[in-house]
Protein backbone atom coordinates (compact mmCIF):
# COMPACT_ATOMS: atom_id res chain seq x y z
CA MET A 1 9.33 160.78 -37.54
CA SER A 2 10.67 163.14 -34.88
CA LYS A 3 11.13 161.64 -31.42
CA ILE A 4 10.04 163.57 -28.33
CA LEU A 5 10.97 162.82 -24.75
CA ILE A 6 8.49 164.09 -22.15
CA ALA A 7 9.76 164.28 -18.55
CA ASP A 8 7.10 165.22 -15.99
CA ASP A 9 5.85 163.63 -12.78
CA GLU A 10 2.26 164.81 -13.33
CA PRO A 11 0.42 162.03 -15.26
CA ASN A 12 -2.28 164.40 -16.53
CA ILE A 13 0.35 166.72 -18.03
CA VAL A 14 2.14 163.79 -19.67
CA THR A 15 -1.14 162.48 -21.10
CA LEU A 16 -2.12 165.92 -22.42
CA ILE A 17 1.20 166.57 -24.16
CA SER A 18 1.42 163.01 -25.47
CA ARG A 19 -2.02 163.18 -27.08
CA TYR A 20 -1.27 166.42 -28.88
CA ALA A 21 2.22 165.27 -29.91
CA GLU A 22 0.97 161.96 -31.27
CA ARG A 23 -1.70 163.78 -33.27
CA GLU A 24 1.13 165.74 -34.88
CA GLY A 25 2.83 162.47 -35.81
CA TYR A 26 5.62 162.52 -33.23
CA ASP A 27 7.05 159.40 -31.61
CA VAL A 28 6.60 160.00 -27.87
CA THR A 29 8.55 158.57 -24.92
CA ALA A 30 7.56 159.61 -21.38
CA VAL A 31 9.44 159.44 -18.07
CA SER A 32 8.54 160.74 -14.62
CA ASP A 33 11.77 162.24 -13.24
CA GLY A 34 15.05 163.82 -14.23
CA ARG A 35 17.18 160.74 -13.60
CA GLN A 36 15.00 158.69 -15.94
CA ALA A 37 15.31 161.45 -18.56
CA ILE A 38 19.11 161.33 -18.35
CA ASP A 39 19.09 157.53 -18.60
CA ALA A 40 16.70 157.64 -21.58
CA CYS A 41 19.02 160.03 -23.44
CA THR A 42 22.01 157.74 -22.88
CA ARG A 43 20.09 154.85 -24.46
CA ASP A 44 18.27 156.62 -27.28
CA ASP A 45 18.40 159.68 -29.52
CA PHE A 46 15.63 162.25 -29.24
CA ASP A 47 14.96 165.30 -31.40
CA ILE A 48 13.56 167.42 -28.56
CA ILE A 49 12.79 167.17 -24.83
CA VAL A 50 9.82 168.69 -22.99
CA MET A 51 10.75 168.69 -19.31
CA ASP A 52 9.23 169.90 -16.05
CA VAL A 53 11.42 171.70 -13.53
CA MET A 54 10.09 170.28 -10.27
CA MET A 55 10.45 166.49 -10.37
CA PRO A 56 11.49 163.87 -7.79
CA ASP A 57 15.02 162.48 -7.61
CA THR A 58 16.59 164.91 -10.12
CA ASP A 59 15.05 168.26 -11.04
CA GLY A 60 14.67 169.46 -14.61
CA PHE A 61 17.46 172.04 -14.49
CA THR A 62 19.98 169.47 -13.25
CA ALA A 63 18.81 166.91 -15.79
CA CYS A 64 19.04 169.45 -18.63
CA LYS A 65 22.59 170.43 -17.70
CA LYS A 66 23.74 166.80 -17.51
CA ILE A 67 22.09 165.86 -20.82
CA LYS A 68 23.62 168.86 -22.59
CA GLU A 69 27.06 167.64 -21.50
CA PHE A 70 26.84 164.64 -23.82
CA LYS A 71 24.06 165.41 -26.34
CA ASP A 72 22.93 168.62 -28.04
CA ILE A 73 19.17 168.12 -27.78
CA PRO A 74 16.79 171.11 -27.69
CA VAL A 75 15.00 171.37 -24.32
CA ILE A 76 11.70 173.11 -23.65
CA MET A 77 11.29 173.61 -19.90
CA LEU A 78 7.87 173.59 -18.26
CA SER A 79 7.42 175.26 -14.90
CA ALA A 80 4.87 176.93 -12.67
CA ARG A 81 7.76 179.15 -11.57
CA GLY A 82 8.01 181.94 -14.11
CA THR A 83 10.20 184.49 -12.37
CA GLU A 84 13.07 186.20 -14.15
CA PHE A 85 15.56 184.38 -11.92
CA ASP A 86 14.10 180.97 -12.83
CA LYS A 87 14.25 181.70 -16.55
CA LEU A 88 17.76 183.11 -16.37
CA PHE A 89 18.93 180.04 -14.48
CA GLY A 90 17.23 177.80 -17.05
CA PHE A 91 18.95 179.50 -19.97
CA GLU A 92 22.26 179.31 -18.10
CA VAL A 93 22.06 175.50 -17.94
CA GLY A 94 21.16 175.22 -21.62
CA VAL A 95 17.36 175.42 -21.80
CA ASP A 96 16.26 176.41 -25.32
CA ASP A 97 12.75 177.60 -24.49
CA TYR A 98 10.71 178.17 -21.34
CA VAL A 99 6.94 177.65 -21.05
CA THR A 100 5.12 178.69 -17.89
CA LYS A 101 2.31 176.54 -16.50
CA PRO A 102 -0.59 176.60 -17.09
CA PHE A 103 0.11 176.50 -20.82
CA SER A 104 -1.71 176.02 -24.11
CA PRO A 105 -0.86 172.60 -25.61
CA MET A 106 -1.41 174.06 -29.07
CA GLU A 107 1.17 176.77 -28.40
CA LEU A 108 3.56 174.15 -27.04
CA MET A 109 3.16 172.13 -30.27
CA ALA A 110 3.86 175.29 -32.28
CA ARG A 111 7.04 175.91 -30.30
CA ILE A 112 8.13 172.30 -30.83
CA LYS A 113 7.53 172.59 -34.58
CA VAL A 114 9.57 175.75 -35.03
CA ILE A 115 12.46 174.48 -32.91
CA LEU A 116 12.61 171.23 -34.88
CA SER A 117 12.30 173.12 -38.16
CA HIS A 118 15.05 175.54 -37.15
CA LYS A 119 17.28 172.66 -36.09
CA LYS A 120 16.94 170.96 -39.48
CA THR A 121 17.62 174.09 -41.51
CA SER A 122 20.52 175.47 -39.47
CA ILE A 123 23.60 175.60 -41.69
CA PRO A 124 27.06 176.54 -40.38
CA SER A 125 29.01 179.38 -41.94
CA ASP A 126 31.28 178.52 -44.88
CA ASP A 127 34.24 180.10 -43.09
CA LYS A 128 35.77 177.93 -40.40
CA LEU A 129 37.08 180.80 -38.27
CA ILE A 130 35.57 184.22 -37.68
CA SER A 131 37.74 186.66 -35.74
CA ILE A 132 36.88 190.07 -34.34
CA ASP A 133 39.54 191.50 -32.05
CA GLY A 134 40.05 188.87 -29.33
CA ILE A 135 36.89 186.94 -30.14
CA VAL A 136 37.42 183.87 -32.33
CA ILE A 137 34.50 181.70 -33.44
CA ASP A 138 35.20 178.25 -34.86
CA THR A 139 32.04 177.59 -36.89
CA LEU A 140 32.90 173.95 -37.57
CA GLY A 141 33.71 173.05 -33.99
CA MET A 142 31.06 175.49 -32.70
CA THR A 143 33.46 176.87 -30.11
CA VAL A 144 34.37 180.39 -29.05
CA THR A 145 37.58 181.69 -27.52
CA ILE A 146 38.00 185.05 -25.79
CA ASN A 147 41.62 186.27 -25.82
CA GLY A 148 42.78 182.70 -26.31
CA GLU A 149 40.61 181.12 -23.60
CA LYS A 150 37.61 178.96 -24.41
CA ALA A 151 34.27 180.55 -23.51
CA ASP A 152 31.72 178.20 -21.94
CA LEU A 153 28.72 179.13 -24.08
CA THR A 154 25.45 177.25 -24.39
CA ALA A 155 24.19 176.39 -27.88
CA LYS A 156 21.81 179.36 -27.85
CA GLU A 157 24.51 181.76 -26.64
CA TYR A 158 26.80 180.52 -29.42
CA SER A 159 24.09 181.04 -32.06
CA LEU A 160 23.33 184.48 -30.66
CA LEU A 161 26.97 185.58 -30.73
CA LEU A 162 27.42 184.24 -34.28
CA LEU A 163 24.36 186.19 -35.42
CA PHE A 164 25.75 189.41 -33.90
CA VAL A 165 29.24 188.93 -35.33
CA GLU A 166 27.93 188.12 -38.81
CA ASN A 167 25.84 191.32 -38.64
CA LYS A 168 28.43 193.61 -37.07
CA GLY A 169 27.22 197.21 -37.04
CA VAL A 170 23.64 196.25 -37.93
CA VAL A 171 20.81 196.96 -35.51
CA LEU A 172 18.92 193.70 -34.90
CA SER A 173 15.37 193.86 -33.59
CA ARG A 174 14.22 191.42 -30.93
CA ASP A 175 11.78 189.89 -33.43
CA ARG A 176 14.58 189.22 -35.91
CA ILE A 177 16.79 187.71 -33.20
CA LEU A 178 13.93 185.45 -32.05
CA ASN A 179 13.25 184.38 -35.62
CA GLU A 180 16.86 183.63 -36.53
CA VAL A 181 18.10 182.10 -33.26
CA TRP A 182 14.95 180.46 -31.89
CA GLY A 183 13.12 180.00 -35.18
CA TYR A 184 9.97 181.93 -34.28
CA ASP A 185 8.77 185.48 -33.80
CA SER A 186 5.14 185.12 -32.76
CA PHE A 187 5.81 184.19 -29.13
CA GLY A 188 8.26 186.96 -28.38
CA VAL A 189 6.14 188.72 -25.80
CA ASP A 190 8.42 187.71 -22.93
CA ARG A 191 12.02 188.77 -22.30
CA THR A 192 13.71 185.70 -23.75
CA VAL A 193 16.11 187.71 -25.92
CA ASP A 194 17.02 190.16 -23.15
CA TRP A 195 17.76 187.35 -20.68
CA GLN A 196 19.92 185.44 -23.16
CA ILE A 197 21.87 188.56 -24.07
CA LYS A 198 22.44 189.32 -20.38
CA LEU A 199 23.94 185.86 -19.96
CA LEU A 200 26.01 186.15 -23.15
CA ARG A 201 27.44 189.50 -22.06
CA SER A 202 28.52 187.97 -18.74
CA LYS A 203 30.69 185.48 -20.65
CA LEU A 204 32.33 187.92 -23.06
CA GLY A 205 34.64 189.51 -20.49
CA GLU A 206 36.11 192.77 -21.72
CA TYR A 207 33.96 192.52 -24.87
CA ARG A 208 30.64 192.51 -23.02
CA ASP A 209 29.94 196.11 -24.04
CA CYS A 210 30.32 195.22 -27.74
CA ILE A 211 26.66 194.23 -27.59
CA ARG A 212 24.94 197.59 -27.38
CA THR A 213 21.31 198.10 -26.42
CA ILE A 214 19.45 200.27 -28.91
CA ARG A 215 16.58 201.49 -26.77
CA GLY A 216 13.17 200.73 -28.17
CA VAL A 217 14.60 198.80 -31.13
CA GLY A 218 16.94 195.95 -30.23
CA TYR A 219 20.71 195.37 -30.15
CA LYS A 220 23.82 196.07 -32.18
CA PHE A 221 27.28 194.48 -32.09
CA GLU A 222 30.26 196.75 -32.65
CA THR A 223 33.85 196.92 -31.43
């Protein structure tokens, strides 16, 4: 049974998500602020976290960043703030998916399912090291170095870079990227891929332009 942690200070939201999650057979734990979410993750192991941004004591972004420092747990962020800046900041601190309030609980359950499914079926490459020019990816340690210096990539940025490198010279559509990195393609109406690629480029230094935009299609990695 997959374990879900819900962190939200609105009781009606917690009740709504809990009811739908329990119907799907998930084991649900609920807390009301970011500090409690951090504490819960130090005591227990969860398969996924659904967390609000605006909470007392510690906000969702801060809580997500702290949790990601010691556990690699997928985080779906809930927020009434759906601006590009908010989403970019969320992805920067390690958020895996972003759902804007008000939201459909059925869609949220679908997102949870595909993230959990993708997590279970993700298999690392057989080769330990993949090198392209000054980019070196350690697929066992899940680390990346750029010209000998470790790049501080989130889990999604790492998966995105690995997908590009393994498909060097191939044009990848946004739908394919969503499907292979996030595990779904039916909710790709927002700019999730574009925002994540913008963040990834900012961390690649002199290799940022290796990720080329193919207008109207998607992206291609080439050196």
